[in-house]
Amino acid sequence: MTGKELHQLVLDKWGVSYDVQLRRTRGKVFLQIMWKYLEQMSFPLSEADYIAHLNAIAQYLNGWGSVELVKDYIQNTKEKPRLGKAVSIPLDLGERASEWIL
């Protein structure tokens, strides 16, 4: 997966370019689809910076083998990001979790 493919996945699902973040909470890692989006005037990144950010996220997802899980979750969820509430996708890192969680 590339950043552009991740962008298209989010855009196809929700119609806007939501911010995407990786979060670690209580020993678990989540991909979060945030409520801010590229098309907002207040969004802090340019389009080029947004795609570069998504490329970095995609590299992690590829390395963790989580691409299909993320695609399936986004395509099938009924959740939608809204102010103060992200869509959180739990990532199963398996035995490699200790490499990524300090």
N, C-alpha and C. Protein backbone atom coordinates (compact mmCIF):
# COMPACT_ATOMS: atom_id res chain seq x y z
N MET A 1 0.84 -1.18 0.00
CA MET A 1 0.00 0.00 0.00
C MET A 1 0.89 1.24 0.00
N THR A 2 0.46 2.25 -0.72
CA THR A 2 1.15 3.54 -0.73
C THR A 2 0.27 4.57 -0.03
N GLY A 3 0.84 5.74 0.19
CA GLY A 3 0.07 6.83 0.78
C GLY A 3 -1.10 7.23 -0.10
N LYS A 4 -0.89 7.24 -1.42
CA LYS A 4 -1.98 7.60 -2.34
C LYS A 4 -3.10 6.56 -2.29
N GLU A 5 -2.73 5.29 -2.15
CA GLU A 5 -3.75 4.24 -2.06
C GLU A 5 -4.53 4.36 -0.75
N LEU A 6 -3.84 4.67 0.34
CA LEU A 6 -4.52 4.88 1.63
C LEU A 6 -5.45 6.09 1.53
N HIS A 7 -4.97 7.16 0.91
CA HIS A 7 -5.79 8.35 0.70
C HIS A 7 -7.06 8.00 -0.08
N GLN A 8 -6.91 7.25 -1.16
CA GLN A 8 -8.05 6.89 -2.00
C GLN A 8 -9.04 6.01 -1.24
N LEU A 9 -8.54 5.13 -0.41
CA LEU A 9 -9.39 4.26 0.41
C LEU A 9 -10.26 5.10 1.35
N VAL A 10 -9.65 6.07 2.01
CA VAL A 10 -10.37 6.96 2.93
C VAL A 10 -11.35 7.84 2.15
N LEU A 11 -10.90 8.40 1.04
CA LEU A 11 -11.73 9.27 0.22
C LEU A 11 -12.94 8.52 -0.34
N ASP A 12 -12.73 7.31 -0.83
CA ASP A 12 -13.84 6.51 -1.37
C ASP A 12 -14.87 6.18 -0.30
N LYS A 13 -14.41 5.94 0.93
CA LYS A 13 -15.32 5.55 2.01
C LYS A 13 -16.13 6.74 2.53
N TRP A 14 -15.46 7.85 2.82
CA TRP A 14 -16.12 8.95 3.51
C TRP A 14 -16.27 10.23 2.70
N GLY A 15 -15.67 10.31 1.53
CA GLY A 15 -15.86 11.47 0.67
C GLY A 15 -14.96 12.66 0.96
N VAL A 16 -14.14 12.57 1.99
CA VAL A 16 -13.15 13.62 2.29
C VAL A 16 -11.84 12.96 2.69
N SER A 17 -10.78 13.74 2.70
CA SER A 17 -9.43 13.24 2.98
C SER A 17 -9.10 13.38 4.47
N TYR A 18 -9.66 12.47 5.27
CA TYR A 18 -9.44 12.53 6.71
C TYR A 18 -7.98 12.30 7.07
N ASP A 19 -7.57 12.92 8.17
CA ASP A 19 -6.24 12.69 8.72
C ASP A 19 -6.18 11.27 9.26
N VAL A 20 -5.02 10.67 9.18
CA VAL A 20 -4.81 9.30 9.66
C VAL A 20 -3.61 9.32 10.59
N GLN A 21 -3.75 8.70 11.76
CA GLN A 21 -2.68 8.69 12.76
C GLN A 21 -2.51 7.29 13.33
N LEU A 22 -1.31 7.00 13.78
CA LEU A 22 -1.06 5.79 14.55
C LEU A 22 -1.02 6.18 16.02
N ARG A 23 -1.71 5.42 16.86
CA ARG A 23 -1.74 5.70 18.30
C ARG A 23 -1.44 4.42 19.06
N ARG A 24 -0.71 4.58 20.13
CA ARG A 24 -0.46 3.46 21.04
C ARG A 24 -1.17 3.77 22.34
N THR A 25 -2.02 2.84 22.77
CA THR A 25 -2.79 3.01 24.00
C THR A 25 -2.79 1.70 24.76
N ARG A 26 -2.37 1.74 26.00
CA ARG A 26 -2.38 0.56 26.87
C ARG A 26 -1.79 -0.67 26.19
N GLY A 27 -0.66 -0.49 25.55
CA GLY A 27 0.04 -1.61 24.96
C GLY A 27 -0.50 -2.10 23.63
N LYS A 28 -1.48 -1.39 23.08
CA LYS A 28 -2.04 -1.76 21.78
C LYS A 28 -1.80 -0.62 20.79
N VAL A 29 -1.75 -0.98 19.52
CA VAL A 29 -1.55 0.03 18.47
C VAL A 29 -2.83 0.11 17.64
N PHE A 30 -3.26 1.34 17.37
CA PHE A 30 -4.46 1.60 16.59
C PHE A 30 -4.13 2.52 15.43
N LEU A 31 -4.76 2.27 14.30
CA LEU A 31 -4.78 3.24 13.21
C LEU A 31 -6.05 4.04 13.43
N GLN A 32 -5.91 5.35 13.54
CA GLN A 32 -7.08 6.18 13.80
C GLN A 32 -7.35 7.09 12.61
N ILE A 33 -8.61 7.07 12.18
CA ILE A 33 -9.07 7.99 11.15
C ILE A 33 -9.67 9.17 11.92
N MET A 34 -8.99 10.30 11.85
CA MET A 34 -9.35 11.46 12.66
C MET A 34 -10.48 12.26 11.99
N TRP A 35 -11.01 13.24 12.68
CA TRP A 35 -12.13 14.02 12.17
C TRP A 35 -11.68 15.22 11.34
N LYS A 36 -10.43 15.63 11.44
CA LYS A 36 -9.95 16.74 10.60
C LYS A 36 -9.63 16.20 9.21
N TYR A 37 -9.79 17.04 8.21
CA TYR A 37 -9.55 16.57 6.85
C TYR A 37 -8.90 17.64 5.98
N LEU A 38 -8.22 17.17 4.95
CA LEU A 38 -7.41 18.01 4.07
C LEU A 38 -8.19 19.17 3.47
N GLU A 39 -9.44 18.97 3.15
CA GLU A 39 -10.23 19.99 2.47
C GLU A 39 -10.67 21.13 3.40
N GLN A 40 -10.43 21.01 4.70
CA GLN A 40 -10.74 22.09 5.65
C GLN A 40 -9.69 23.19 5.52
N MET A 41 -10.12 24.43 5.62
CA MET A 41 -9.17 25.55 5.56
C MET A 41 -8.21 25.51 6.74
N SER A 42 -8.65 25.00 7.88
CA SER A 42 -7.81 24.98 9.08
C SER A 42 -6.88 23.77 9.15
N PHE A 43 -6.94 22.87 8.15
CA PHE A 43 -6.09 21.67 8.18
C PHE A 43 -4.63 22.10 8.11
N PRO A 44 -3.77 21.57 9.00
CA PRO A 44 -2.41 22.09 9.13
C PRO A 44 -1.41 21.63 8.06
N LEU A 45 -1.77 20.69 7.20
CA LEU A 45 -0.82 20.18 6.21
C LEU A 45 -1.22 20.59 4.79
N SER A 46 -0.23 20.76 3.94
CA SER A 46 -0.50 20.93 2.51
C SER A 46 -0.83 19.56 1.93
N GLU A 47 -1.31 19.52 0.70
CA GLU A 47 -1.62 18.23 0.09
C GLU A 47 -0.37 17.36 -0.02
N ALA A 48 0.76 17.96 -0.39
CA ALA A 48 2.01 17.20 -0.52
C ALA A 48 2.45 16.64 0.84
N ASP A 49 2.35 17.46 1.89
CA ASP A 49 2.71 16.99 3.23
C ASP A 49 1.76 15.90 3.72
N TYR A 50 0.48 16.04 3.38
CA TYR A 50 -0.52 15.03 3.75
C TYR A 50 -0.18 13.68 3.11
N ILE A 51 0.13 13.69 1.81
CA ILE A 51 0.48 12.44 1.11
C ILE A 51 1.77 11.86 1.67
N ALA A 52 2.75 12.71 1.99
CA ALA A 52 4.00 12.23 2.59
C ALA A 52 3.72 11.57 3.94
N HIS A 53 2.83 12.17 4.73
CA HIS A 53 2.44 11.60 6.02
C HIS A 53 1.77 10.23 5.82
N LEU A 54 0.87 10.14 4.85
CA LEU A 54 0.20 8.87 4.57
C LEU A 54 1.18 7.82 4.06
N ASN A 55 2.19 8.24 3.30
CA ASN A 55 3.23 7.31 2.85
C ASN A 55 3.95 6.69 4.05
N ALA A 56 4.25 7.51 5.06
CA ALA A 56 4.92 7.00 6.26
C ALA A 56 4.02 6.01 7.00
N ILE A 57 2.73 6.34 7.13
CA ILE A 57 1.78 5.44 7.78
C ILE A 57 1.69 4.12 7.00
N ALA A 58 1.61 4.23 5.68
CA ALA A 58 1.50 3.04 4.82
C ALA A 58 2.73 2.14 4.96
N GLN A 59 3.90 2.74 5.12
CA GLN A 59 5.11 1.93 5.32
C GLN A 59 5.01 1.08 6.58
N TYR A 60 4.50 1.67 7.65
CA TYR A 60 4.30 0.90 8.88
C TYR A 60 3.29 -0.22 8.65
N LEU A 61 2.17 0.10 8.02
CA LEU A 61 1.14 -0.92 7.78
C LEU A 61 1.69 -2.06 6.94
N ASN A 62 2.48 -1.74 5.92
CA ASN A 62 3.10 -2.77 5.09
C ASN A 62 4.05 -3.63 5.93
N GLY A 63 4.88 -2.98 6.73
CA GLY A 63 5.85 -3.69 7.57
C GLY A 63 5.20 -4.60 8.59
N TRP A 64 4.05 -4.19 9.08
CA TRP A 64 3.34 -4.98 10.09
C TRP A 64 2.43 -6.04 9.47
N GLY A 65 2.27 -6.02 8.15
CA GLY A 65 1.35 -6.96 7.50
C GLY A 65 -0.11 -6.66 7.80
N SER A 66 -0.44 -5.38 7.99
CA SER A 66 -1.79 -4.98 8.41
C SER A 66 -2.62 -4.36 7.30
N VAL A 67 -2.13 -4.36 6.08
CA VAL A 67 -2.81 -3.67 4.98
C VAL A 67 -4.21 -4.24 4.74
N GLU A 68 -4.33 -5.55 4.62
CA GLU A 68 -5.65 -6.15 4.33
C GLU A 68 -6.63 -5.93 5.47
N LEU A 69 -6.15 -6.01 6.71
CA LEU A 69 -7.00 -5.75 7.86
C LEU A 69 -7.57 -4.33 7.80
N VAL A 70 -6.71 -3.36 7.49
CA VAL A 70 -7.14 -1.96 7.41
C VAL A 70 -8.12 -1.76 6.26
N LYS A 71 -7.81 -2.32 5.10
CA LYS A 71 -8.72 -2.20 3.95
C LYS A 71 -10.10 -2.77 4.28
N ASP A 72 -10.12 -3.97 4.83
CA ASP A 72 -11.39 -4.62 5.17
C ASP A 72 -12.17 -3.80 6.20
N TYR A 73 -11.47 -3.31 7.22
CA TYR A 73 -12.14 -2.55 8.28
C TYR A 73 -12.77 -1.29 7.70
N ILE A 74 -11.99 -0.53 6.93
CA ILE A 74 -12.50 0.73 6.37
C ILE A 74 -13.67 0.47 5.43
N GLN A 75 -13.55 -0.52 4.56
CA GLN A 75 -14.61 -0.79 3.60
C GLN A 75 -15.90 -1.27 4.26
N ASN A 76 -15.80 -1.93 5.41
CA ASN A 76 -16.98 -2.54 6.03
C ASN A 76 -17.55 -1.80 7.23
N THR A 77 -16.83 -0.82 7.76
CA THR A 77 -17.32 -0.14 8.96
C THR A 77 -18.49 0.78 8.65
N LYS A 78 -19.36 0.93 9.63
CA LYS A 78 -20.45 1.90 9.53
C LYS A 78 -20.10 3.17 10.31
N GLU A 79 -18.97 3.13 11.01
CA GLU A 79 -18.53 4.29 11.78
C GLU A 79 -18.07 5.40 10.83
N LYS A 80 -18.15 6.63 11.34
CA LYS A 80 -17.65 7.78 10.60
C LYS A 80 -16.96 8.71 11.60
N PRO A 81 -15.80 9.24 11.24
CA PRO A 81 -15.15 10.19 12.15
C PRO A 81 -16.06 11.41 12.36
N ARG A 82 -16.12 11.89 13.58
CA ARG A 82 -16.85 13.12 13.88
C ARG A 82 -16.09 13.88 14.95
N LEU A 83 -16.41 15.11 15.15
CA LEU A 83 -15.67 15.97 16.06
C LEU A 83 -15.44 15.29 17.40
N GLY A 84 -14.18 15.11 17.75
CA GLY A 84 -13.81 14.49 19.01
C GLY A 84 -13.86 12.98 19.03
N LYS A 85 -14.22 12.34 17.93
CA LYS A 85 -14.35 10.87 17.89
C LYS A 85 -13.74 10.33 16.60
N ALA A 86 -12.61 9.67 16.75
CA ALA A 86 -11.94 9.05 15.61
C ALA A 86 -12.48 7.64 15.41
N VAL A 87 -12.31 7.12 14.21
CA VAL A 87 -12.56 5.70 13.95
C VAL A 87 -11.24 4.99 14.26
N SER A 88 -11.26 4.11 15.25
CA SER A 88 -10.05 3.42 15.70
C SER A 88 -10.03 1.99 15.19
N ILE A 89 -8.97 1.65 14.48
CA ILE A 89 -8.80 0.30 13.92
C ILE A 89 -7.70 -0.39 14.71
N PRO A 90 -8.04 -1.41 15.51
CA PRO A 90 -7.00 -2.11 16.27
C PRO A 90 -6.11 -2.92 15.34
N LEU A 91 -4.80 -2.78 15.49
CA LEU A 91 -3.84 -3.50 14.67
C LEU A 91 -3.24 -4.63 15.48
N ASP A 92 -3.29 -5.82 14.94
CA ASP A 92 -2.70 -6.98 15.60
C ASP A 92 -1.28 -7.15 15.10
N LEU A 93 -0.31 -6.80 15.93
CA LEU A 93 1.09 -6.91 15.55
C LEU A 93 1.66 -8.28 15.89
N GLY A 94 0.87 -9.10 16.57
CA GLY A 94 1.31 -10.45 16.91
C GLY A 94 2.57 -10.44 17.76
N GLU A 95 3.47 -11.36 17.46
CA GLU A 95 4.70 -11.49 18.23
C GLU A 95 5.64 -10.30 18.03
N ARG A 96 5.43 -9.55 16.96
CA ARG A 96 6.29 -8.40 16.69
C ARG A 96 5.93 -7.19 17.54
N ALA A 97 4.87 -7.27 18.31
CA ALA A 97 4.42 -6.13 19.09
C ALA A 97 5.52 -5.58 19.98
N SER A 98 6.32 -6.46 20.56
CA SER A 98 7.36 -6.00 21.47
C SER A 98 8.42 -5.16 20.76
N GLU A 99 8.55 -5.32 19.45
CA GLU A 99 9.49 -4.51 18.68
C GLU A 99 9.01 -3.07 18.55
N TRP A 100 7.69 -2.88 18.63
CA TRP A 100 7.11 -1.57 18.35
C TRP A 100 6.60 -0.86 19.58
N ILE A 101 6.39 -1.61 20.67
CA ILE A 101 5.83 -1.02 21.88
C ILE A 101 6.87 -1.05 22.98
N LEU A 102 7.22 0.12 23.46
CA LEU A 102 8.20 0.22 24.53
C LEU A 102 7.52 0.32 25.88
